[in-house]
Amino acid sequence: MFLSPENQLTQALPVLPVELIDDIIDEASRTLDVSSVSAIALASHTFRIHANKERFSSLVPYRNDGHNIEHTSRGIRTLADIIECGHSVKPSMPGVCEFVTSFSLQMIGYYDKVMPALEDGCLAYIFNNLFRPSRFPPSSAARSLSLYIYRWSRDNDDYYDDDEDNPRYNGLSWKSIHPKLLIALEDLLRLSELTQLDLAEMRNIPRNFLQGSNIKHLHLYRSTVSEFGSYYNFDNTAGGGPMLLESLDIDCFVSHCWRRPLYV
C-alpha cells in the first residue's frame, strides 16, 4: 500500500501535547505585535481565548494623561457596548471582562466635561462587570483598579459645593459621586476579586470603605478621608472582622485621619 505525499507528510508530523500548544500560543500572544495577535484570535475558538488573555488584560480608556476628555468618554462608552454585546454571544465564548486584570482611568478637565462622562451609566455598567469570578482565569491572580479624576471650573464665578476645601479646583469627592456609579463602585470593592486599589485626588473617602473587600494593596495619593460612615451606603455590619493589608502606600498629602484606625 502506497501513501500519497500529503498523507506521508501528515504521518511524519508529530502530534504535540495540548498543554505545549497552549504554552506556545500564550507566549506568542505576549510577544507578537497587535496585528499578529489578532490573526491568532481568528484562527480558532481556542486560540481566540488565549489571544484575548493578552489583548484585554489591561484596559486603559484614556490617553494624553487623561486630558482628552472626549476620547476618554468615547472609550468608556465603547467598552460598555463591547461588554454588553459579549453577554449576547454564545456562552462558550467568554466576554472581555473575564480576561481583565487591571482597569485604569484618568480624567483631568473641566467639571462640565468630566462629570457627564462619569454619570451617563456607562462607567457604572463597566464596574458592575469587572473582576467577577471567571471560567477562564486571566494570566494574573492580581486585579487592580486605578482612578484619578481631577476637575476645574471655567471661570471664577463657577463654584461646586462637593468639595469645601477648594471649590474651583478639586478631585472627585466621594459624596458627589452619582448614586448609580457609587453603588457600582461599592459593589466592585466588596463583591469582586479586586486585590489592589489606587486612588488619586479622591476627597472625603469614608474610613470604612474597604469593609468586606478583598483588597490587599492600597495606594492613596493627595486624598482626604472622612469620619467613619460619612457619605457611605454600606451596611456597617457587613464583612465581619478586620482585613489585613499586605501593602499601604500613602503620600504626605493624605489627610491626618489616617493616624486613627481605618475600619475595614
C-alpha atoms as a PDB file:
ATOM      1  CA  MET A   1       0.000   0.000   0.000  1.00  0.00           C
ATOM      2  CA  PHE A   2       1.382   3.373  -1.016  1.00  0.00           C
ATOM      3  CA  LEU A   3       0.517   6.673   0.639  1.00  0.00           C
ATOM      4  CA  SER A   4       0.188   9.923  -1.219  1.00  0.00           C
ATOM      5  CA  PRO A   5       2.821  12.615  -0.474  1.00  0.00           C
ATOM      6  CA  GLU A   6       0.231  14.525   1.538  1.00  0.00           C
ATOM      7  CA  ASN A   7      -0.564  11.524   3.737  1.00  0.00           C
ATOM      8  CA  GLN A   8       3.123  10.744   4.176  1.00  0.00           C
ATOM      9  CA  LEU A   9       3.725  14.323   5.374  1.00  0.00           C
ATOM     10  CA  THR A  10       0.779  14.124   7.763  1.00  0.00           C
ATOM     11  CA  GLN A  11       2.062  10.916   9.319  1.00  0.00           C
ATOM     12  CA  ALA A  12       5.553  12.397   9.651  1.00  0.00           C
ATOM     13  CA  LEU A  13       4.364  15.431  11.642  1.00  0.00           C
ATOM     14  CA  PRO A  14       4.491  14.900  15.417  1.00  0.00           C
ATOM     15  CA  VAL A  15       1.335  15.404  17.468  1.00  0.00           C
ATOM     16  CA  LEU A  16       2.123  17.982  20.143  1.00  0.00           C
ATOM     17  CA  PRO A  17       0.508  17.752  23.577  1.00  0.00           C
ATOM     18  CA  VAL A  18      -2.329  20.196  24.115  1.00  0.00           C
ATOM     19  CA  GLU A  19      -0.516  21.743  27.084  1.00  0.00           C
ATOM     20  CA  LEU A  20       2.525  22.515  24.927  1.00  0.00           C
ATOM     21  CA  ILE A  21       0.363  24.071  22.219  1.00  0.00           C
ATOM     22  CA  ASP A  22      -1.298  26.245  24.867  1.00  0.00           C
ATOM     23  CA  ASP A  23       2.101  27.403  26.127  1.00  0.00           C
ATOM     24  CA  ILE A  24       3.243  28.235  22.592  1.00  0.00           C
ATOM     25  CA  ILE A  25       0.125  30.288  21.860  1.00  0.00           C
ATOM     26  CA  ASP A  26       0.337  32.078  25.208  1.00  0.00           C
ATOM     27  CA  GLU A  27       3.963  33.008  24.579  1.00  0.00           C
ATOM     28  CA  ALA A  28       3.191  34.144  21.031  1.00  0.00           C
ATOM     29  CA  SER A  29       0.321  36.306  22.272  1.00  0.00           C
ATOM     30  CA  ARG A  30       2.646  38.015  24.757  1.00  0.00           C
ATOM     31  CA  THR A  31       5.499  38.708  22.332  1.00  0.00           C
ATOM     32  CA  LEU A  32       3.953  39.314  18.896  1.00  0.00           C
ATOM     33  CA  ASP A  33       2.631  42.642  17.615  1.00  0.00           C
ATOM     34  CA  VAL A  34      -1.038  43.601  17.781  1.00  0.00           C
ATOM     35  CA  SER A  35      -1.918  42.534  14.235  1.00  0.00           C
ATOM     36  CA  SER A  36      -0.306  39.119  14.724  1.00  0.00           C
ATOM     37  CA  VAL A  37      -2.210  38.565  17.969  1.00  0.00           C
ATOM     38  CA  SER A  38      -5.424  39.481  16.152  1.00  0.00           C
ATOM     39  CA  ALA A  39      -4.575  36.892  13.497  1.00  0.00           C
ATOM     40  CA  ILE A  40      -4.141  34.277  16.215  1.00  0.00           C
ATOM     41  CA  ALA A  41      -7.570  35.179  17.576  1.00  0.00           C
ATOM     42  CA  LEU A  42      -9.113  34.480  14.168  1.00  0.00           C
ATOM     43  CA  ALA A  43      -7.526  31.033  13.853  1.00  0.00           C
ATOM     44  CA  SER A  44      -9.887  29.162  16.153  1.00  0.00           C
ATOM     45  CA  HIS A  45     -12.170  29.458  19.158  1.00  0.00           C
ATOM     46  CA  THR A  46      -9.478  28.103  21.484  1.00  0.00           C
ATOM     47  CA  PHE A  47      -6.750  30.349  20.076  1.00  0.00           C
ATOM     48  CA  ARG A  48      -9.042  33.368  20.478  1.00  0.00           C
ATOM     49  CA  ILE A  49      -9.320  32.723  24.202  1.00  0.00           C
ATOM     50  CA  HIS A  50      -5.524  32.613  24.509  1.00  0.00           C
ATOM     51  CA  ALA A  51      -5.129  35.804  22.467  1.00  0.00           C
ATOM     52  CA  ASN A  52      -7.818  37.614  24.439  1.00  0.00           C
ATOM     53  CA  LYS A  53      -5.967  36.947  27.683  1.00  0.00           C
ATOM     54  CA  GLU A  54      -3.265  39.247  26.342  1.00  0.00           C
ATOM     55  CA  ARG A  55      -5.411  41.688  24.361  1.00  0.00           C
ATOM     56  CA  PHE A  56      -7.822  42.508  27.180  1.00  0.00           C
ATOM     57  CA  SER A  57      -5.661  42.014  30.259  1.00  0.00           C
ATOM     58  CA  SER A  58      -5.215  45.753  30.832  1.00  0.00           C
ATOM     59  CA  LEU A  59      -7.970  48.254  29.993  1.00  0.00           C
ATOM     60  CA  VAL A  60      -6.938  51.921  29.679  1.00  0.00           C
ATOM     61  CA  PRO A  61      -9.688  54.014  28.035  1.00  0.00           C
ATOM     62  CA  TYR A  62      -7.780  57.318  28.182  1.00  0.00           C
ATOM     63  CA  ARG A  63      -4.785  58.979  26.520  1.00  0.00           C
ATOM     64  CA  ASN A  64      -2.667  62.118  26.971  1.00  0.00           C
ATOM     65  CA  ASP A  65      -2.618  61.569  30.740  1.00  0.00           C
ATOM     66  CA  GLY A  66      -6.395  61.878  30.828  1.00  0.00           C
ATOM     67  CA  HIS A  67      -6.665  65.411  29.410  1.00  0.00           C
ATOM     68  CA  ASN A  68      -8.564  64.340  26.281  1.00  0.00           C
ATOM     69  CA  ILE A  69     -11.989  64.008  27.906  1.00  0.00           C
ATOM     70  CA  GLU A  70     -13.808  63.444  24.601  1.00  0.00           C
ATOM     71  CA  HIS A  71     -11.574  60.484  23.749  1.00  0.00           C
ATOM     72  CA  THR A  72     -11.929  59.037  27.238  1.00  0.00           C
ATOM     73  CA  SER A  73     -15.713  59.414  27.144  1.00  0.00           C
ATOM     74  CA  ARG A  74     -15.873  57.555  23.835  1.00  0.00           C
ATOM     75  CA  GLY A  75     -13.581  54.872  25.204  1.00  0.00           C
ATOM     76  CA  ILE A  76     -15.818  54.321  28.223  1.00  0.00           C
ATOM     77  CA  ARG A  77     -18.972  54.135  26.082  1.00  0.00           C
ATOM     78  CA  THR A  78     -17.329  51.793  23.571  1.00  0.00           C
ATOM     79  CA  LEU A  79     -16.081  49.479  26.297  1.00  0.00           C
ATOM     80  CA  ALA A  80     -19.534  49.359  27.892  1.00  0.00           C
ATOM     81  CA  ASP A  81     -21.033  48.467  24.484  1.00  0.00           C
ATOM     82  CA  ILE A  82     -18.458  45.708  23.938  1.00  0.00           C
ATOM     83  CA  ILE A  83     -19.182  44.223  27.358  1.00  0.00           C
ATOM     84  CA  GLU A  84     -22.920  44.314  26.715  1.00  0.00           C
ATOM     85  CA  CYS A  85     -22.527  42.679  23.299  1.00  0.00           C
ATOM     86  CA  GLY A  86     -20.393  39.976  24.879  1.00  0.00           C
ATOM     87  CA  HIS A  87     -23.308  38.925  27.052  1.00  0.00           C
ATOM     88  CA  SER A  88     -25.377  38.184  23.946  1.00  0.00           C
ATOM     89  CA  VAL A  89     -22.929  35.824  22.193  1.00  0.00           C
ATOM     90  CA  LYS A  90     -22.889  32.086  22.728  1.00  0.00           C
ATOM     91  CA  PRO A  91     -21.939  31.069  26.288  1.00  0.00           C
ATOM     92  CA  SER A  92     -18.840  29.191  25.155  1.00  0.00           C
ATOM     93  CA  MET A  93     -17.107  32.449  24.188  1.00  0.00           C
ATOM     94  CA  PRO A  94     -16.078  34.415  27.302  1.00  0.00           C
ATOM     95  CA  GLY A  95     -16.605  38.157  27.369  1.00  0.00           C
ATOM     96  CA  VAL A  96     -13.952  40.848  27.624  1.00  0.00           C
ATOM     97  CA  CYS A  97     -14.219  41.244  31.395  1.00  0.00           C
ATOM     98  CA  GLU A  98     -13.281  37.616  32.015  1.00  0.00           C
ATOM     99  CA  PHE A  99      -9.726  38.441  30.898  1.00  0.00           C
ATOM    100  CA  VAL A 100      -9.221  41.793  32.626  1.00  0.00           C
ATOM    101  CA  THR A 101      -6.560  42.056  35.333  1.00  0.00           C
ATOM    102  CA  SER A 102      -6.338  45.857  35.543  1.00  0.00           C
ATOM    103  CA  PHE A 103      -8.516  48.878  34.795  1.00  0.00           C
ATOM    104  CA  SER A 104      -7.070  52.384  34.876  1.00  0.00           C
ATOM    105  CA  LEU A 105      -8.980  55.636  34.389  1.00  0.00           C
ATOM    106  CA  GLN A 106      -7.634  59.188  34.380  1.00  0.00           C
ATOM    107  CA  MET A 107      -9.808  62.209  33.605  1.00  0.00           C
ATOM    108  CA  ILE A 108      -8.452  65.741  34.006  1.00  0.00           C
ATOM    109  CA  GLY A 109     -10.503  68.643  32.698  1.00  0.00           C
ATOM    110  CA  TYR A 110     -13.458  70.971  33.058  1.00  0.00           C
ATOM    111  CA  TYR A 111     -16.129  69.971  35.528  1.00  0.00           C
ATOM    112  CA  ASP A 112     -18.914  70.195  32.920  1.00  0.00           C
ATOM    113  CA  LYS A 113     -16.997  67.798  30.653  1.00  0.00           C
ATOM    114  CA  VAL A 114     -15.813  65.278  33.208  1.00  0.00           C
ATOM    115  CA  MET A 115     -18.991  64.761  35.223  1.00  0.00           C
ATOM    116  CA  PRO A 116     -21.349  63.826  32.325  1.00  0.00           C
ATOM    117  CA  ALA A 117     -18.869  61.131  31.278  1.00  0.00           C
ATOM    118  CA  LEU A 118     -18.990  59.707  34.793  1.00  0.00           C
ATOM    119  CA  GLU A 119     -22.745  59.926  35.200  1.00  0.00           C
ATOM    120  CA  ASP A 120     -24.194  58.548  31.945  1.00  0.00           C
ATOM    121  CA  GLY A 121     -24.280  54.995  33.330  1.00  0.00           C
ATOM    122  CA  CYS A 122     -21.523  53.509  31.155  1.00  0.00           C
ATOM    123  CA  LEU A 123     -18.792  53.555  33.796  1.00  0.00           C
ATOM    124  CA  ALA A 124     -21.218  52.122  36.345  1.00  0.00           C
ATOM    125  CA  TYR A 125     -22.011  49.310  33.894  1.00  0.00           C
ATOM    126  CA  ILE A 126     -18.298  48.572  33.477  1.00  0.00           C
ATOM    127  CA  PHE A 127     -17.784  48.487  37.246  1.00  0.00           C
ATOM    128  CA  ASN A 128     -20.703  46.069  37.578  1.00  0.00           C
ATOM    129  CA  ASN A 129     -18.874  43.595  35.330  1.00  0.00           C
ATOM    130  CA  LEU A 130     -15.214  43.955  36.291  1.00  0.00           C
ATOM    131  CA  PHE A 131     -13.208  41.395  38.269  1.00  0.00           C
ATOM    132  CA  ARG A 132     -16.023  38.927  38.818  1.00  0.00           C
ATOM    133  CA  PRO A 133     -15.316  35.173  39.016  1.00  0.00           C
ATOM    134  CA  SER A 134     -14.302  33.845  35.593  1.00  0.00           C
ATOM    135  CA  ARG A 135     -14.496  30.475  33.869  1.00  0.00           C
ATOM    136  CA  PHE A 136     -11.207  31.333  32.186  1.00  0.00           C
ATOM    137  CA  PRO A 137      -8.783  32.625  34.823  1.00  0.00           C
ATOM    138  CA  PRO A 138      -6.722  35.571  33.490  1.00  0.00           C
ATOM    139  CA  SER A 139      -2.953  35.487  33.236  1.00  0.00           C
ATOM    140  CA  SER A 140      -2.519  37.021  36.702  1.00  0.00           C
ATOM    141  CA  ALA A 141      -4.296  36.486  40.012  1.00  0.00           C
ATOM    142  CA  ALA A 142      -3.893  40.186  40.836  1.00  0.00           C
ATOM    143  CA  ARG A 143      -6.767  42.534  39.995  1.00  0.00           C
ATOM    144  CA  SER A 144      -6.139  46.278  40.135  1.00  0.00           C
ATOM    145  CA  LEU A 145      -8.269  49.406  39.812  1.00  0.00           C
ATOM    146  CA  SER A 146      -6.750  52.879  39.414  1.00  0.00           C
ATOM    147  CA  LEU A 147      -8.833  56.088  39.461  1.00  0.00           C
ATOM    148  CA  TYR A 148      -7.561  59.643  39.055  1.00  0.00           C
ATOM    149  CA  ILE A 149     -10.273  62.259  38.489  1.00  0.00           C
ATOM    150  CA  TYR A 150      -9.461  65.975  38.661  1.00  0.00           C
ATOM    151  CA  ARG A 151     -11.774  68.833  37.669  1.00  0.00           C
ATOM    152  CA  TRP A 152     -11.789  72.610  37.485  1.00  0.00           C
ATOM    153  CA  SER A 153     -14.385  75.287  36.754  1.00  0.00           C
ATOM    154  CA  ARG A 154     -14.276  77.531  33.684  1.00  0.00           C
ATOM    155  CA  ASP A 155     -14.219  80.905  35.480  1.00  0.00           C
ATOM    156  CA  ASN A 156     -14.105  82.445  38.918  1.00  0.00           C
ATOM    157  CA  ASP A 157     -17.892  82.585  39.216  1.00  0.00           C
ATOM    158  CA  ASP A 158     -18.293  78.814  38.924  1.00  0.00           C
ATOM    159  CA  TYR A 159     -18.195  77.050  42.254  1.00  0.00           C
ATOM    160  CA  TYR A 160     -19.138  73.482  43.046  1.00  0.00           C
ATOM    161  CA  ASP A 161     -20.166  72.566  46.549  1.00  0.00           C
ATOM    162  CA  ASP A 162     -18.923  68.961  46.529  1.00  0.00           C
ATOM    163  CA  ASP A 163     -15.526  69.925  47.920  1.00  0.00           C
ATOM    164  CA  GLU A 164     -15.412  72.528  50.632  1.00  0.00           C
ATOM    165  CA  ASP A 165     -11.599  72.789  50.603  1.00  0.00           C
ATOM    166  CA  ASN A 166     -11.208  74.135  47.090  1.00  0.00           C
ATOM    167  CA  PRO A 167     -14.472  74.555  45.175  1.00  0.00           C
ATOM    168  CA  ARG A 168     -12.858  75.603  41.879  1.00  0.00           C
ATOM    169  CA  TYR A 169     -10.058  73.046  41.561  1.00  0.00           C
ATOM    170  CA  ASN A 170     -10.534  69.647  43.084  1.00  0.00           C
ATOM    171  CA  GLY A 171     -10.517  65.931  42.681  1.00  0.00           C
ATOM    172  CA  LEU A 172     -13.619  63.795  42.773  1.00  0.00           C
ATOM    173  CA  SER A 173     -15.454  63.855  46.085  1.00  0.00           C
ATOM    174  CA  TRP A 174     -16.909  60.575  47.330  1.00  0.00           C
ATOM    175  CA  LYS A 175     -20.089  62.309  48.440  1.00  0.00           C
ATOM    176  CA  SER A 176     -20.640  63.807  44.964  1.00  0.00           C
ATOM    177  CA  ILE A 177     -20.398  60.528  43.034  1.00  0.00           C
ATOM    178  CA  HIS A 178     -23.633  59.801  41.189  1.00  0.00           C
ATOM    179  CA  PRO A 179     -25.727  57.284  43.203  1.00  0.00           C
ATOM    180  CA  LYS A 180     -25.730  54.695  40.411  1.00  0.00           C
ATOM    181  CA  LEU A 181     -21.967  54.927  39.996  1.00  0.00           C
ATOM    182  CA  LEU A 182     -21.406  54.894  43.752  1.00  0.00           C
ATOM    183  CA  ILE A 183     -23.387  51.674  44.168  1.00  0.00           C
ATOM    184  CA  ALA A 184     -21.394  50.092  41.330  1.00  0.00           C
ATOM    185  CA  LEU A 185     -18.108  51.225  42.891  1.00  0.00           C
ATOM    186  CA  GLU A 186     -19.101  49.931  46.317  1.00  0.00           C
ATOM    187  CA  ASP A 187     -20.118  46.571  44.842  1.00  0.00           C
ATOM    188  CA  LEU A 188     -16.843  46.425  42.925  1.00  0.00           C
ATOM    189  CA  LEU A 189     -14.911  46.951  46.150  1.00  0.00           C
ATOM    190  CA  ARG A 190     -16.916  44.469  48.180  1.00  0.00           C
ATOM    191  CA  LEU A 191     -18.158  41.758  45.805  1.00  0.00           C
ATOM    192  CA  SER A 192     -15.421  41.374  43.198  1.00  0.00           C
ATOM    193  CA  GLU A 193     -11.971  39.764  43.163  1.00  0.00           C
ATOM    194  CA  LEU A 194     -10.250  43.168  43.224  1.00  0.00           C
ATOM    195  CA  THR A 195      -6.936  42.983  45.113  1.00  0.00           C
ATOM    196  CA  GLN A 196      -5.304  46.378  44.513  1.00  0.00           C
ATOM    197  CA  LEU A 197      -6.829  49.862  44.642  1.00  0.00           C
ATOM    198  CA  ASP A 198      -5.087  53.098  43.606  1.00  0.00           C
ATOM    199  CA  LEU A 199      -6.940  56.369  44.275  1.00  0.00           C
ATOM    200  CA  ALA A 200      -5.578  59.829  43.451  1.00  0.00           C
ATOM    201  CA  GLU A 201      -7.248  63.176  44.244  1.00  0.00           C
ATOM    202  CA  MET A 202     -10.218  61.424  45.861  1.00  0.00           C
ATOM    203  CA  ARG A 203     -11.935  63.539  48.519  1.00  0.00           C
ATOM    204  CA  ASN A 204     -13.989  62.505  51.547  1.00  0.00           C
ATOM    205  CA  ILE A 205     -13.200  58.792  51.358  1.00  0.00           C
ATOM    206  CA  PRO A 206     -15.165  57.000  54.114  1.00  0.00           C
ATOM    207  CA  ARG A 207     -12.939  55.383  56.702  1.00  0.00           C
ATOM    208  CA  ASN A 208     -14.799  52.076  56.358  1.00  0.00           C
ATOM    209  CA  PHE A 209     -14.836  51.971  52.553  1.00  0.00           C
ATOM    210  CA  LEU A 210     -12.833  48.716  52.418  1.00  0.00           C
ATOM    211  CA  GLN A 211     -15.190  46.845  54.690  1.00  0.00           C
ATOM    212  CA  GLY A 212     -15.912  43.389  53.264  1.00  0.00           C
ATOM    213  CA  SER A 213     -13.450  43.739  50.367  1.00  0.00           C
ATOM    214  CA  ASN A 214     -10.582  41.528  49.174  1.00  0.00           C
ATOM    215  CA  ILE A 215      -8.169  44.457  48.821  1.00  0.00           C
ATOM    216  CA  LYS A 216      -4.578  43.534  49.694  1.00  0.00           C
ATOM    217  CA  HIS A 217      -2.739  46.575  48.326  1.00  0.00           C
ATOM    218  CA  LEU A 218      -3.978  50.144  48.869  1.00  0.00           C
ATOM    219  CA  HIS A 219      -2.377  53.259  47.360  1.00  0.00           C
ATOM    220  CA  LEU A 220      -3.719  56.757  48.156  1.00  0.00           C
ATOM    221  CA  TYR A 221      -2.340  59.994  46.725  1.00  0.00           C
ATOM    222  CA  ARG A 222      -3.456  63.558  47.501  1.00  0.00           C
ATOM    223  CA  SER A 223      -6.666  62.236  49.027  1.00  0.00           C
ATOM    224  CA  THR A 224      -8.716  63.003  52.125  1.00  0.00           C
ATOM    225  CA  VAL A 225     -10.524  60.675  54.497  1.00  0.00           C
ATOM    226  CA  SER A 226     -13.837  61.410  56.226  1.00  0.00           C
ATOM    227  CA  GLU A 227     -15.214  60.232  59.528  1.00  0.00           C
ATOM    228  CA  PHE A 228     -16.439  56.678  59.939  1.00  0.00           C
ATOM    229  CA  GLY A 229     -19.547  56.061  57.841  1.00  0.00           C
ATOM    230  CA  SER A 230     -19.675  59.503  56.223  1.00  0.00           C
ATOM    231  CA  TYR A 231     -21.297  59.552  52.767  1.00  0.00           C
ATOM    232  CA  TYR A 232     -21.281  55.781  52.759  1.00  0.00           C
ATOM    233  CA  ASN A 233     -24.038  53.334  51.868  1.00  0.00           C
ATOM    234  CA  PHE A 234     -22.515  50.087  53.101  1.00  0.00           C
ATOM    235  CA  ASP A 235     -24.099  48.177  55.925  1.00  0.00           C
ATOM    236  CA  ASN A 236     -21.557  48.722  58.693  1.00  0.00           C
ATOM    237  CA  THR A 237     -22.065  45.152  59.897  1.00  0.00           C
ATOM    238  CA  ALA A 238     -21.012  43.665  56.545  1.00  0.00           C
ATOM    239  CA  GLY A 239     -17.690  41.965  56.070  1.00  0.00           C
ATOM    240  CA  GLY A 240     -17.120  40.545  59.541  1.00  0.00           C
ATOM    241  CA  GLY A 241     -13.736  41.019  61.175  1.00  0.00           C
ATOM    242  CA  PRO A 242     -10.690  43.076  60.261  1.00  0.00           C
ATOM    243  CA  MET A 243      -8.920  42.790  56.923  1.00  0.00           C
ATOM    244  CA  LEU A 244      -5.132  42.678  56.728  1.00  0.00           C
ATOM    245  CA  LEU A 245      -3.467  44.737  54.008  1.00  0.00           C
ATOM    246  CA  GLU A 246      -0.236  43.432  52.529  1.00  0.00           C
ATOM    247  CA  SER A 247       0.874  46.917  51.479  1.00  0.00           C
ATOM    248  CA  LEU A 248      -0.218  50.504  52.131  1.00  0.00           C
ATOM    249  CA  ASP A 249       1.252  53.405  50.154  1.00  0.00           C
ATOM    250  CA  ILE A 250       0.178  56.960  51.029  1.00  0.00           C
ATOM    251  CA  ASP A 251       1.799  60.334  50.455  1.00  0.00           C
ATOM    252  CA  CYS A 252       2.191  63.336  52.726  1.00  0.00           C
ATOM    253  CA  PHE A 253      -0.967  64.952  51.332  1.00  0.00           C
ATOM    254  CA  VAL A 254      -3.302  62.257  52.647  1.00  0.00           C
ATOM    255  CA  SER A 255      -5.384  63.680  55.478  1.00  0.00           C
ATOM    256  CA  HIS A 256      -4.364  63.177  59.111  1.00  0.00           C
ATOM    257  CA  CYS A 257      -7.401  60.942  59.709  1.00  0.00           C
ATOM    258  CA  TRP A 258      -5.180  58.013  58.734  1.00  0.00           C
ATOM    259  CA  ARG A 259      -3.416  58.353  62.066  1.00  0.00           C
ATOM    260  CA  ARG A 260      -6.568  56.930  63.614  1.00  0.00           C
ATOM    261  CA  PRO A 261      -7.798  53.369  62.973  1.00  0.00           C
ATOM    262  CA  LEU A 262      -9.014  52.516  59.470  1.00  0.00           C
ATOM    263  CA  TYR A 263     -12.064  50.294  59.771  1.00  0.00           C
ATOM    264  CA  VAL A 264     -12.329  47.601  57.149  1.00  0.00           C
END
